[in-house]
Each structure stands twice: as structure tokens, then as C-alpha cells.
Protein backbone atom coordinates (compact mmCIF):
# COMPACT_ATOMS: atom_id res chain seq x y z
CA MET A 1 -71.36 3.74 30.09
CA ALA A 2 -72.60 0.36 28.94
CA VAL A 3 -75.24 0.21 26.25
CA ARG A 4 -78.09 -1.96 27.49
CA GLN A 5 -80.29 -3.79 25.03
CA PRO A 6 -83.80 -5.07 25.72
CA ARG A 7 -84.06 -8.86 25.59
CA TYR A 8 -87.86 -9.08 25.41
CA SER A 9 -90.65 -7.77 23.24
CA LYS A 10 -92.53 -4.76 24.58
CA GLU A 11 -95.52 -6.96 25.32
CA GLU A 12 -93.53 -9.56 27.27
CA PHE A 13 -91.61 -6.83 29.08
CA ALA A 14 -94.86 -5.23 30.26
CA GLN A 15 -96.45 -8.58 31.17
CA ARG A 16 -93.46 -9.63 33.27
CA GLY A 17 -93.19 -6.25 34.99
CA ASP A 18 -96.89 -6.05 35.82
CA ALA A 19 -97.00 -9.65 37.04
CA LEU A 20 -94.01 -9.20 39.36
CA TYR A 21 -95.36 -5.95 40.75
CA GLU A 22 -98.82 -7.35 41.45
CA SER A 23 -97.78 -10.76 42.78
CA GLU A 24 -94.64 -10.02 44.77
CA ILE A 25 -93.80 -6.34 45.19
CA ARG A 26 -96.96 -4.25 45.57
CA ALA A 27 -97.77 -5.51 49.08
CA GLN A 28 -94.21 -4.73 50.20
CA VAL A 29 -94.09 -1.13 48.97
CA GLU A 30 -97.65 0.21 48.84
CA GLU A 31 -98.07 1.42 52.40
CA GLY A 32 -96.57 4.87 52.98
CA ASN A 33 -94.91 5.21 49.59
CA HIS A 34 -97.64 6.81 47.44
CA GLY A 35 -96.14 8.46 44.37
CA LYS A 36 -92.72 6.84 44.67
CA ILE A 37 -91.24 4.82 41.83
CA VAL A 38 -90.34 1.13 41.89
CA ALA A 39 -87.72 -0.13 39.44
CA ILE A 40 -88.09 -3.90 39.00
CA ASP A 41 -85.69 -6.23 37.22
CA ILE A 42 -88.08 -8.40 35.22
CA GLU A 43 -85.61 -11.31 35.21
CA THR A 44 -84.68 -11.57 38.90
CA GLY A 45 -87.51 -9.76 40.68
CA ALA A 46 -85.01 -7.48 42.43
CA PHE A 47 -86.42 -4.00 42.98
CA GLU A 48 -85.54 -0.55 44.25
CA LEU A 49 -87.83 2.20 45.53
CA ALA A 50 -87.04 5.90 45.05
CA ASP A 51 -88.61 9.33 44.65
CA ASP A 52 -87.96 9.48 40.89
CA THR A 53 -87.41 7.18 37.94
CA MET A 54 -83.74 7.97 37.38
CA LEU A 55 -82.76 7.32 40.98
CA ALA A 56 -84.78 4.09 41.15
CA ALA A 57 -83.16 2.83 37.93
CA ARG A 58 -79.65 3.84 39.05
CA GLN A 59 -80.11 2.04 42.37
CA LEU A 60 -81.34 -1.08 40.58
CA TYR A 61 -78.41 -1.04 38.14
CA ALA A 62 -76.01 -0.70 41.10
CA ARG A 63 -77.41 -3.97 42.50
CA VAL A 64 -78.09 -5.76 39.21
CA PRO A 65 -75.82 -4.32 36.49
CA ASP A 66 -77.51 -6.27 33.68
CA ALA A 67 -81.07 -5.54 34.87
CA GLN A 68 -84.05 -5.28 32.53
CA PRO A 69 -85.91 -2.57 34.51
CA TRP A 70 -89.67 -2.10 34.56
CA LEU A 71 -90.88 1.05 36.34
CA GLU A 72 -94.10 1.38 38.32
CA SER A 73 -95.55 4.27 40.29
CA VAL A 74 -96.74 3.26 43.74
CA GLN A 75 -100.45 3.98 44.10
CA ASN A 76 -102.39 3.56 47.30
CA PHE A 77 -105.92 2.40 46.66
CA VAL A 78 -108.38 2.63 49.51
């Protein structure tokens, strides 16, 4: 198994992840997916949706082996 190293500070990691989720991904995944997990590569914007964090991350790594994953829980706000 490859050892992955973060390439960003914690603050920049969080800022990039939050920004991508709010600007590009939230509208695509929010409806009907309450409680699911989105794994987002903060460099490419690629994402995967799954029922748990491990599965979402594994799916993302399968698509983007060098991903820098940010995880969000899908919340539906009325």
C-alpha cells in the first residue's frame, strides 16, 4: 500500500475542500443522499459518493490514485 502524504496545510486543505463542495458538488449530490459521504479530491474536483467514509475514499483512490481527499457528509437543509 502506498503511503500518501498531505501536500497542503490543514487550513488550505479545509478551505479547498469546503469551497469545492459548496461551489461545485453540493447541488449535484444533496437531493436524496442525506447522510452519505462525499470524498472530494481537492486538486482535481473529482468526487465519489458512498454510504461510509472508507468506501468513498477507496472509490476516489481507484479513480484518482494520488488524490488529496476531503470528506463531507451530505446534509439536506430545508
